[in-house]
Amino acid sequence: MRLSVIILLIALLTLAEANAGNSARNFGGVGIDGVPWANGQIVVRQMVAGGPAHLAGLKVGDIITHIDGKATMGSNFQDMVEHRLRGEAGTRVMLKVSRPGNSKPLTFTLTRRQLVTAGNKKN
């Protein structure tokens, strides 16, 4: 009986590790490094060169006002990054931004993808 419980636990741990690995492989982003304003909006500080945001035409200094139609103002920055900007690679996210010098907001539809930066590059 004890051996079967141990085998079951090993099988469950192996399955959990496999699922965690799949999640990590499928994790994606848009390639934005943003900072929160006091009101909750996100200002683009820098971007991953060649990332979805960069290729779509977002610029440093753009202010993200909406993510998938939901206002960023008054929202929790960490929650927005972890649950709205990041997601499964291959899925889309729509950003509405205010660009200094432009009177009209801009809308970008980006496809999340795995990003390789100097900090997480595999050797």
C-alpha atoms as a PDB file:
ATOM      1  CA  MET A   1       0.000   0.000   0.000  1.00  0.00           C
ATOM      2  CA  ARG A   2       2.760   2.435   0.944  1.00  0.00           C
ATOM      3  CA  LEU A   3       4.628   1.741  -2.320  1.00  0.00           C
ATOM      4  CA  SER A   4       1.520   2.455  -4.409  1.00  0.00           C
ATOM      5  CA  VAL A   5       1.034   5.803  -2.614  1.00  0.00           C
ATOM      6  CA  ILE A   6       4.660   6.733  -3.312  1.00  0.00           C
ATOM      7  CA  ILE A   7       4.290   5.766  -6.983  1.00  0.00           C
ATOM      8  CA  LEU A   8       1.100   7.837  -7.210  1.00  0.00           C
ATOM      9  CA  LEU A   9       2.838  10.861  -5.661  1.00  0.00           C
ATOM     10  CA  ILE A  10       5.772  10.543  -8.073  1.00  0.00           C
ATOM     11  CA  ALA A  11       3.366  10.333 -11.014  1.00  0.00           C
ATOM     12  CA  LEU A  12       1.475  13.433  -9.838  1.00  0.00           C
ATOM     13  CA  LEU A  13       4.705  15.390  -9.324  1.00  0.00           C
ATOM     14  CA  THR A  14       5.940  14.384 -12.768  1.00  0.00           C
ATOM     15  CA  LEU A  15       2.641  15.489 -14.323  1.00  0.00           C
ATOM     16  CA  ALA A  16       2.765  18.800 -12.445  1.00  0.00           C
ATOM     17  CA  GLU A  17       6.336  19.438 -13.619  1.00  0.00           C
ATOM     18  CA  ALA A  18       5.381  18.621 -17.208  1.00  0.00           C
ATOM     19  CA  ASN A  19       2.441  21.034 -17.059  1.00  0.00           C
ATOM     20  CA  ALA A  20       4.630  23.735 -15.501  1.00  0.00           C
ATOM     21  CA  GLY A  21       7.144  23.265 -18.289  1.00  0.00           C
ATOM     22  CA  ASN A  22       4.428  23.582 -20.897  1.00  0.00           C
ATOM     23  CA  SER A  23       3.158  26.766 -19.274  1.00  0.00           C
ATOM     24  CA  ALA A  24       6.649  28.256 -19.262  1.00  0.00           C
ATOM     25  CA  ARG A  25       7.146  27.323 -22.923  1.00  0.00           C
ATOM     26  CA  ASN A  26       3.787  28.845 -23.873  1.00  0.00           C
ATOM     27  CA  PHE A  27       4.317  32.028 -21.856  1.00  0.00           C
ATOM     28  CA  GLY A  28       4.349  35.144 -23.970  1.00  0.00           C
ATOM     29  CA  GLY A  29       4.535  38.872 -23.771  1.00  0.00           C
ATOM     30  CA  VAL A  30       4.476  41.942 -25.972  1.00  0.00           C
ATOM     31  CA  GLY A  31       7.993  43.190 -25.231  1.00  0.00           C
ATOM     32  CA  ILE A  32       7.200  46.280 -23.179  1.00  0.00           C
ATOM     33  CA  ASP A  33       8.986  47.467 -20.065  1.00  0.00           C
ATOM     34  CA  GLY A  34       6.575  49.913 -18.514  1.00  0.00           C
ATOM     35  CA  VAL A  35       6.352  51.956 -15.353  1.00  0.00           C
ATOM     36  CA  PRO A  36       3.146  52.822 -13.551  1.00  0.00           C
ATOM     37  CA  TRP A  37       1.902  56.368 -13.134  1.00  0.00           C
ATOM     38  CA  ALA A  38       0.209  57.240  -9.868  1.00  0.00           C
ATOM     39  CA  ASN A  39      -3.191  57.019 -11.615  1.00  0.00           C
ATOM     40  CA  GLY A  40      -2.515  53.435 -12.780  1.00  0.00           C
ATOM     41  CA  GLN A  41      -1.721  54.106 -16.406  1.00  0.00           C
ATOM     42  CA  ILE A  42       1.445  52.536 -17.816  1.00  0.00           C
ATOM     43  CA  VAL A  43       4.175  54.516 -19.542  1.00  0.00           C
ATOM     44  CA  VAL A  44       6.389  52.595 -21.966  1.00  0.00           C
ATOM     45  CA  ARG A  45       9.954  52.947 -20.690  1.00  0.00           C
ATOM     46  CA  GLN A  46      11.662  50.610 -23.156  1.00  0.00           C
ATOM     47  CA  MET A  47      10.876  47.765 -25.521  1.00  0.00           C
ATOM     48  CA  VAL A  48      12.412  44.517 -26.647  1.00  0.00           C
ATOM     49  CA  ALA A  49      13.927  45.170 -30.079  1.00  0.00           C
ATOM     50  CA  GLY A  50      11.982  43.115 -32.606  1.00  0.00           C
ATOM     51  CA  GLY A  51       9.244  42.320 -30.067  1.00  0.00           C
ATOM     52  CA  PRO A  52       5.533  42.620 -30.883  1.00  0.00           C
ATOM     53  CA  ALA A  53       5.183  46.144 -29.442  1.00  0.00           C
ATOM     54  CA  HIS A  54       8.284  47.416 -31.250  1.00  0.00           C
ATOM     55  CA  LEU A  55       7.237  45.900 -34.581  1.00  0.00           C
ATOM     56  CA  ALA A  56       3.700  47.298 -34.248  1.00  0.00           C
ATOM     57  CA  GLY A  57       5.011  50.842 -33.822  1.00  0.00           C
ATOM     58  CA  LEU A  58       4.653  51.568 -30.124  1.00  0.00           C
ATOM     59  CA  LYS A  59       7.190  54.090 -28.880  1.00  0.00           C
ATOM     60  CA  VAL A  60       8.981  54.882 -25.655  1.00  0.00           C
ATOM     61  CA  GLY A  61       6.839  57.459 -23.862  1.00  0.00           C
ATOM     62  CA  ASP A  62       3.512  56.050 -25.076  1.00  0.00           C
ATOM     63  CA  ILE A  63       0.928  55.858 -22.303  1.00  0.00           C
ATOM     64  CA  ILE A  64      -1.141  52.666 -22.205  1.00  0.00           C
ATOM     65  CA  THR A  65      -4.673  53.745 -21.322  1.00  0.00           C
ATOM     66  CA  HIS A  66      -6.572  50.511 -22.068  1.00  0.00           C
ATOM     67  CA  ILE A  67      -5.745  46.809 -22.308  1.00  0.00           C
ATOM     68  CA  ASP A  68      -8.347  44.724 -24.144  1.00  0.00           C
ATOM     69  CA  GLY A  69     -10.878  47.513 -23.702  1.00  0.00           C
ATOM     70  CA  LYS A  70     -10.350  47.836 -19.938  1.00  0.00           C
ATOM     71  CA  ALA A  71      -9.021  51.134 -18.629  1.00  0.00           C
ATOM     72  CA  THR A  72      -5.645  51.028 -16.934  1.00  0.00           C
ATOM     73  CA  MET A  73      -6.453  54.089 -14.833  1.00  0.00           C
ATOM     74  CA  GLY A  74      -7.143  53.019 -11.271  1.00  0.00           C
ATOM     75  CA  SER A  75      -5.948  49.441 -11.886  1.00  0.00           C
ATOM     76  CA  ASN A  76      -3.245  47.495 -10.068  1.00  0.00           C
ATOM     77  CA  PHE A  77      -0.018  47.673 -12.091  1.00  0.00           C
ATOM     78  CA  GLN A  78       1.235  44.206 -11.133  1.00  0.00           C
ATOM     79  CA  ASP A  79      -2.135  42.643 -11.970  1.00  0.00           C
ATOM     80  CA  MET A  80      -2.234  44.367 -15.355  1.00  0.00           C
ATOM     81  CA  VAL A  81       1.239  43.155 -16.261  1.00  0.00           C
ATOM     82  CA  GLU A  82       0.816  39.586 -15.021  1.00  0.00           C
ATOM     83  CA  HIS A  83      -2.758  38.937 -16.162  1.00  0.00           C
ATOM     84  CA  ARG A  84      -3.480  41.324 -19.013  1.00  0.00           C
ATOM     85  CA  LEU A  85      -0.236  42.103 -20.869  1.00  0.00           C
ATOM     86  CA  ARG A  86       1.359  38.700 -20.378  1.00  0.00           C
ATOM     87  CA  GLY A  87      -0.381  35.549 -21.470  1.00  0.00           C
ATOM     88  CA  GLU A  88      -0.137  32.481 -23.610  1.00  0.00           C
ATOM     89  CA  ALA A  89       2.145  32.901 -26.614  1.00  0.00           C
ATOM     90  CA  GLY A  90       0.125  33.248 -29.804  1.00  0.00           C
ATOM     91  CA  THR A  91      -2.811  35.030 -28.178  1.00  0.00           C
ATOM     92  CA  ARG A  92      -3.745  38.612 -29.009  1.00  0.00           C
ATOM     93  CA  VAL A  93      -4.001  41.662 -26.829  1.00  0.00           C
ATOM     94  CA  MET A  94      -5.325  45.084 -27.834  1.00  0.00           C
ATOM     95  CA  LEU A  95      -3.691  48.214 -26.436  1.00  0.00           C
ATOM     96  CA  LYS A  96      -5.029  51.743 -26.639  1.00  0.00           C
ATOM     97  CA  VAL A  97      -2.315  54.335 -26.110  1.00  0.00           C
ATOM     98  CA  SER A  98      -2.019  58.052 -25.781  1.00  0.00           C
ATOM     99  CA  ARG A  99       1.074  59.402 -27.507  1.00  0.00           C
ATOM    100  CA  PRO A 100       2.472  62.754 -26.452  1.00  0.00           C
ATOM    101  CA  GLY A 101       1.997  65.182 -29.351  1.00  0.00           C
ATOM    102  CA  ASN A 102      -0.966  63.237 -30.831  1.00  0.00           C
ATOM    103  CA  SER A 103      -4.490  64.437 -30.099  1.00  0.00           C
ATOM    104  CA  LYS A 104      -6.145  61.103 -30.924  1.00  0.00           C
ATOM    105  CA  PRO A 105      -5.524  57.787 -29.134  1.00  0.00           C
ATOM    106  CA  LEU A 106      -3.849  54.976 -31.078  1.00  0.00           C
ATOM    107  CA  THR A 107      -4.928  51.324 -31.018  1.00  0.00           C
ATOM    108  CA  PHE A 108      -2.563  48.392 -31.493  1.00  0.00           C
ATOM    109  CA  THR A 109      -3.433  44.707 -31.675  1.00  0.00           C
ATOM    110  CA  LEU A 110      -0.406  42.634 -30.709  1.00  0.00           C
ATOM    111  CA  THR A 111       0.210  38.899 -30.695  1.00  0.00           C
ATOM    112  CA  ARG A 112       2.017  37.721 -27.596  1.00  0.00           C
ATOM    113  CA  ARG A 113       5.099  35.623 -28.187  1.00  0.00           C
ATOM    114  CA  GLN A 114       8.033  34.202 -26.330  1.00  0.00           C
ATOM    115  CA  LEU A 115      10.705  36.816 -25.971  1.00  0.00           C
ATOM    116  CA  VAL A 116      14.414  36.208 -25.657  1.00  0.00           C
ATOM    117  CA  THR A 117      16.374  38.942 -23.959  1.00  0.00           C
ATOM    118  CA  ALA A 118      19.960  39.013 -22.748  1.00  0.00           C
ATOM    119  CA  GLY A 119      18.751  38.140 -19.247  1.00  0.00           C
ATOM    120  CA  ASN A 120      16.922  34.918 -20.191  1.00  0.00           C
ATOM    121  CA  LYS A 121      18.795  33.781 -23.288  1.00  0.00           C
ATOM    122  CA  LYS A 122      19.523  30.050 -23.274  1.00  0.00           C
ATOM    123  CA  ASN A 123      23.045  28.898 -24.071  1.00  0.00           C
END
